[in-house]
N, C-alpha and C. Protein backbone atom coordinates (compact mmCIF):
# COMPACT_ATOMS: atom_id res chain seq x y z
N MET A 1 -97.79 -92.07 177.19
CA MET A 1 -98.99 -92.87 177.04
C MET A 1 -98.87 -93.71 175.77
N THR A 2 -99.35 -94.91 175.86
CA THR A 2 -99.29 -95.79 174.71
C THR A 2 -100.44 -95.47 173.75
N PRO A 3 -100.28 -95.79 172.48
CA PRO A 3 -101.35 -95.52 171.51
C PRO A 3 -102.65 -96.25 171.85
N GLU A 4 -102.55 -97.46 172.41
CA GLU A 4 -103.76 -98.20 172.76
C GLU A 4 -104.54 -97.48 173.86
N LEU A 5 -103.82 -96.92 174.80
CA LEU A 5 -104.47 -96.19 175.89
C LEU A 5 -105.14 -94.91 175.38
N ILE A 6 -104.49 -94.25 174.44
CA ILE A 6 -105.06 -93.03 173.87
C ILE A 6 -106.34 -93.35 173.10
N VAL A 7 -106.31 -94.42 172.31
CA VAL A 7 -107.50 -94.81 171.55
C VAL A 7 -108.63 -95.22 172.49
N THR A 8 -108.31 -95.97 173.52
CA THR A 8 -109.32 -96.40 174.48
C THR A 8 -109.93 -95.20 175.21
N ALA A 9 -109.10 -94.28 175.63
CA ALA A 9 -109.60 -93.08 176.32
C ALA A 9 -110.47 -92.23 175.40
N THR A 10 -110.09 -92.14 174.14
CA THR A 10 -110.87 -91.38 173.17
C THR A 10 -112.23 -92.02 172.93
N LEU A 11 -112.27 -93.34 172.79
CA LEU A 11 -113.54 -94.04 172.59
C LEU A 11 -114.45 -93.92 173.81
N ILE A 12 -113.88 -94.01 174.99
CA ILE A 12 -114.68 -93.86 176.21
C ILE A 12 -115.23 -92.44 176.32
N ALA A 13 -114.41 -91.45 176.00
CA ALA A 13 -114.87 -90.06 176.05
C ALA A 13 -115.97 -89.80 175.02
N ALA A 14 -115.80 -90.33 173.81
CA ALA A 14 -116.82 -90.14 172.77
C ALA A 14 -118.14 -90.80 173.17
N THR A 15 -118.06 -91.98 173.78
CA THR A 15 -119.26 -92.68 174.22
C THR A 15 -119.97 -91.90 175.32
N LEU A 16 -119.22 -91.39 176.27
CA LEU A 16 -119.82 -90.61 177.35
C LEU A 16 -120.46 -89.32 176.84
N ILE A 17 -119.82 -88.69 175.88
CA ILE A 17 -120.38 -87.46 175.29
C ILE A 17 -121.69 -87.78 174.58
N TYR A 18 -121.73 -88.90 173.83
CA TYR A 18 -122.95 -89.28 173.12
C TYR A 18 -124.07 -89.63 174.10
N VAL A 19 -123.75 -90.32 175.17
CA VAL A 19 -124.76 -90.65 176.18
C VAL A 19 -125.31 -89.38 176.81
N LEU A 20 -124.45 -88.44 177.11
CA LEU A 20 -124.88 -87.16 177.67
C LEU A 20 -125.75 -86.40 176.67
N LEU A 21 -125.37 -86.44 175.40
CA LEU A 21 -126.16 -85.77 174.37
C LEU A 21 -127.54 -86.40 174.24
N CYS A 22 -127.62 -87.73 174.29
CA CYS A 22 -128.91 -88.41 174.21
C CYS A 22 -129.78 -88.11 175.42
N TRP A 23 -129.16 -87.86 176.57
CA TRP A 23 -129.92 -87.56 177.77
C TRP A 23 -130.43 -86.12 177.75
N ILE A 24 -129.58 -85.18 177.34
CA ILE A 24 -129.96 -83.76 177.35
C ILE A 24 -130.83 -83.40 176.14
N LEU A 25 -130.41 -83.83 174.95
CA LEU A 25 -131.14 -83.53 173.71
C LEU A 25 -131.54 -84.83 173.02
N PRO A 26 -132.67 -85.43 173.40
CA PRO A 26 -133.02 -86.73 172.83
C PRO A 26 -133.42 -86.67 171.36
N PHE A 27 -133.76 -85.50 170.86
CA PHE A 27 -134.17 -85.37 169.47
C PHE A 27 -133.10 -84.69 168.64
N GLY A 28 -132.89 -85.19 167.43
CA GLY A 28 -131.97 -84.59 166.47
C GLY A 28 -132.74 -84.19 165.22
N ARG A 29 -132.04 -83.55 164.30
CA ARG A 29 -132.69 -83.14 163.06
C ARG A 29 -132.99 -84.36 162.19
N CYS A 30 -134.11 -84.33 161.51
CA CYS A 30 -134.47 -85.40 160.59
C CYS A 30 -133.53 -85.36 159.39
N ARG A 31 -133.00 -86.51 159.01
CA ARG A 31 -132.07 -86.56 157.88
C ARG A 31 -132.79 -86.48 156.54
N ALA A 32 -134.04 -86.90 156.50
CA ALA A 32 -134.77 -86.91 155.24
C ALA A 32 -135.12 -85.50 154.77
N CYS A 33 -135.51 -84.64 155.70
CA CYS A 33 -135.93 -83.28 155.32
C CYS A 33 -134.98 -82.21 155.82
N SER A 34 -133.87 -82.61 156.41
CA SER A 34 -132.86 -81.69 156.97
C SER A 34 -133.43 -80.78 158.05
N GLY A 35 -134.43 -81.27 158.76
CA GLY A 35 -134.98 -80.53 159.88
C GLY A 35 -136.04 -79.51 159.52
N THR A 36 -136.45 -79.44 158.26
CA THR A 36 -137.46 -78.47 157.87
C THR A 36 -138.88 -78.97 158.10
N GLY A 37 -139.08 -80.29 158.01
CA GLY A 37 -140.42 -80.85 158.15
C GLY A 37 -141.13 -80.98 156.82
N ASN A 38 -140.53 -80.46 155.76
CA ASN A 38 -141.13 -80.51 154.43
C ASN A 38 -140.21 -81.23 153.46
N ARG A 39 -140.82 -81.96 152.52
CA ARG A 39 -140.05 -82.63 151.47
C ARG A 39 -140.67 -82.27 150.13
N ARG A 40 -139.85 -82.20 149.14
CA ARG A 40 -140.34 -81.89 147.81
C ARG A 40 -140.51 -83.17 147.03
N ILE A 41 -141.67 -83.37 146.45
CA ILE A 41 -141.94 -84.54 145.62
C ILE A 41 -141.50 -84.20 144.21
N LEU A 42 -140.59 -85.00 143.67
CA LEU A 42 -140.02 -84.70 142.37
C LEU A 42 -141.01 -84.91 141.23
N LEU A 43 -141.88 -85.90 141.34
CA LEU A 43 -142.79 -86.21 140.26
C LEU A 43 -143.81 -85.10 140.02
N LEU A 44 -144.40 -84.61 141.08
CA LEU A 44 -145.43 -83.57 140.96
C LEU A 44 -144.90 -82.17 141.25
N ARG A 45 -143.67 -82.09 141.70
CA ARG A 45 -143.02 -80.81 142.05
C ARG A 45 -143.83 -80.00 143.05
N ARG A 46 -144.24 -80.64 144.09
CA ARG A 46 -144.94 -79.93 145.16
C ARG A 46 -144.28 -80.28 146.48
N VAL A 47 -144.57 -79.49 147.48
CA VAL A 47 -143.98 -79.67 148.80
C VAL A 47 -145.02 -80.30 149.72
N THR A 48 -144.62 -81.39 150.40
CA THR A 48 -145.50 -82.05 151.37
C THR A 48 -144.74 -82.20 152.68
N PHE A 49 -145.44 -82.63 153.70
CA PHE A 49 -144.77 -82.85 154.97
C PHE A 49 -143.95 -84.13 154.90
N CYS A 50 -142.91 -84.19 155.69
CA CYS A 50 -141.99 -85.34 155.71
C CYS A 50 -142.67 -86.51 156.40
N ARG A 51 -142.62 -87.70 155.77
CA ARG A 51 -143.25 -88.87 156.36
C ARG A 51 -142.42 -89.45 157.50
N ARG A 52 -141.12 -89.29 157.47
CA ARG A 52 -140.28 -89.86 158.53
C ARG A 52 -140.48 -89.16 159.87
N CYS A 53 -140.52 -87.84 159.83
CA CYS A 53 -140.66 -87.09 161.09
C CYS A 53 -142.07 -86.56 161.30
N LYS A 54 -142.97 -86.86 160.37
CA LYS A 54 -144.37 -86.41 160.42
C LYS A 54 -144.49 -84.89 160.48
N GLY A 55 -143.56 -84.21 159.81
CA GLY A 55 -143.61 -82.77 159.69
C GLY A 55 -142.99 -81.99 160.82
N SER A 56 -142.46 -82.67 161.83
CA SER A 56 -141.89 -81.95 162.97
C SER A 56 -140.46 -81.50 162.72
N GLY A 57 -139.74 -82.20 161.84
CA GLY A 57 -138.34 -81.87 161.59
C GLY A 57 -137.39 -82.51 162.58
N LEU A 58 -137.92 -83.29 163.53
CA LEU A 58 -137.11 -83.92 164.56
C LEU A 58 -137.25 -85.43 164.51
N ARG A 59 -136.21 -86.13 164.95
CA ARG A 59 -136.24 -87.59 165.06
C ARG A 59 -135.60 -87.97 166.38
N LEU A 60 -136.00 -89.12 166.90
CA LEU A 60 -135.43 -89.62 168.15
C LEU A 60 -134.07 -90.24 167.86
N ARG A 61 -133.07 -89.86 168.62
CA ARG A 61 -131.72 -90.39 168.40
C ARG A 61 -131.68 -91.89 168.68
N ILE A 62 -130.75 -92.58 168.02
CA ILE A 62 -130.64 -94.04 168.15
C ILE A 62 -130.32 -94.43 169.60
N GLY A 63 -129.43 -93.70 170.24
CA GLY A 63 -129.08 -94.00 171.62
C GLY A 63 -130.26 -93.84 172.56
N ARG A 64 -131.07 -92.83 172.34
CA ARG A 64 -132.24 -92.61 173.18
C ARG A 64 -133.29 -93.68 172.92
N ARG A 65 -133.43 -94.10 171.65
CA ARG A 65 -134.36 -95.16 171.31
C ARG A 65 -133.95 -96.46 172.01
N LEU A 66 -132.66 -96.73 172.04
CA LEU A 66 -132.14 -97.92 172.72
C LEU A 66 -132.40 -97.83 174.22
N TYR A 67 -132.15 -96.67 174.81
CA TYR A 67 -132.42 -96.47 176.24
C TYR A 67 -133.89 -96.69 176.55
N ASN A 68 -134.78 -96.13 175.73
CA ASN A 68 -136.22 -96.29 175.97
C ASN A 68 -136.64 -97.74 175.90
N THR A 69 -136.07 -98.52 174.96
CA THR A 69 -136.40 -99.93 174.83
C THR A 69 -135.99 -100.70 176.06
N VAL A 70 -134.77 -100.46 176.53
CA VAL A 70 -134.28 -101.16 177.73
C VAL A 70 -135.08 -100.75 178.95
N HIS A 71 -135.41 -99.48 179.07
CA HIS A 71 -136.18 -98.99 180.21
C HIS A 71 -137.57 -99.60 180.23
N ASP A 72 -138.24 -99.68 179.07
CA ASP A 72 -139.57 -100.27 179.00
C ASP A 72 -139.54 -101.76 179.32
N ALA A 73 -138.51 -102.47 178.84
CA ALA A 73 -138.39 -103.90 179.13
C ALA A 73 -138.20 -104.14 180.62
N ARG A 74 -137.40 -103.29 181.24
CA ARG A 74 -137.18 -103.44 182.68
C ARG A 74 -138.45 -103.13 183.47
N ALA A 75 -139.19 -102.12 183.05
CA ALA A 75 -140.44 -101.78 183.72
C ALA A 75 -141.45 -102.91 183.59
N GLN A 76 -141.51 -103.54 182.42
CA GLN A 76 -142.43 -104.67 182.24
C GLN A 76 -142.01 -105.85 183.10
N ALA A 77 -140.71 -106.09 183.20
CA ALA A 77 -140.22 -107.19 184.03
C ALA A 77 -140.53 -106.94 185.50
N ASP A 78 -140.36 -105.70 185.95
CA ASP A 78 -140.68 -105.36 187.34
C ASP A 78 -142.17 -105.53 187.62
N ALA A 79 -143.01 -105.12 186.67
CA ALA A 79 -144.45 -105.26 186.85
C ALA A 79 -144.84 -106.73 186.90
N ALA A 80 -144.22 -107.53 186.05
CA ALA A 80 -144.52 -108.97 186.05
C ALA A 80 -144.07 -109.62 187.36
N ALA A 81 -142.93 -109.20 187.88
CA ALA A 81 -142.44 -109.74 189.14
C ALA A 81 -143.36 -109.36 190.30
N GLN A 82 -143.85 -108.13 190.30
CA GLN A 82 -144.77 -107.71 191.36
C GLN A 82 -146.08 -108.48 191.28
N THR A 83 -146.56 -108.70 190.08
CA THR A 83 -147.80 -109.48 189.91
C THR A 83 -147.62 -110.91 190.39
N LYS A 84 -146.47 -111.48 190.08
CA LYS A 84 -146.17 -112.86 190.51
C LYS A 84 -146.08 -112.93 192.02
N THR A 85 -145.47 -111.92 192.65
CA THR A 85 -145.34 -111.88 194.09
C THR A 85 -146.71 -111.78 194.76
N ARG A 86 -147.58 -110.97 194.19
CA ARG A 86 -148.92 -110.82 194.75
C ARG A 86 -149.70 -112.12 194.65
N GLU A 87 -149.54 -112.84 193.54
CA GLU A 87 -150.28 -114.09 193.35
C GLU A 87 -149.80 -115.17 194.32
N THR A 88 -148.51 -115.19 194.61
CA THR A 88 -148.00 -116.23 195.51
C THR A 88 -148.32 -115.94 196.98
N THR A 89 -148.58 -114.72 197.34
CA THR A 89 -148.87 -114.37 198.74
C THR A 89 -150.34 -114.61 199.06
N ARG A 90 -151.17 -114.81 198.09
CA ARG A 90 -152.60 -115.03 198.36
C ARG A 90 -152.88 -116.38 198.89
């Protein structure tokens, strides 16, 4: 096997694994609070909930966010097409 083929196969496999991961586990650990849901404020030295994840400790993965955006855009386009079709048939 040539090196180019190995690199291409590796990239395709990594992409498929990430897509599968985004489908099965859409949420990952929050990077700001390391999945705890709490952050320590250095100035006052107290613990508050994380603003990024709103205290849940989870965040939506980038791939899943991209999928949701494309899915919503397609749903809006389909709804607009159906509305247009109904208006022209009247």
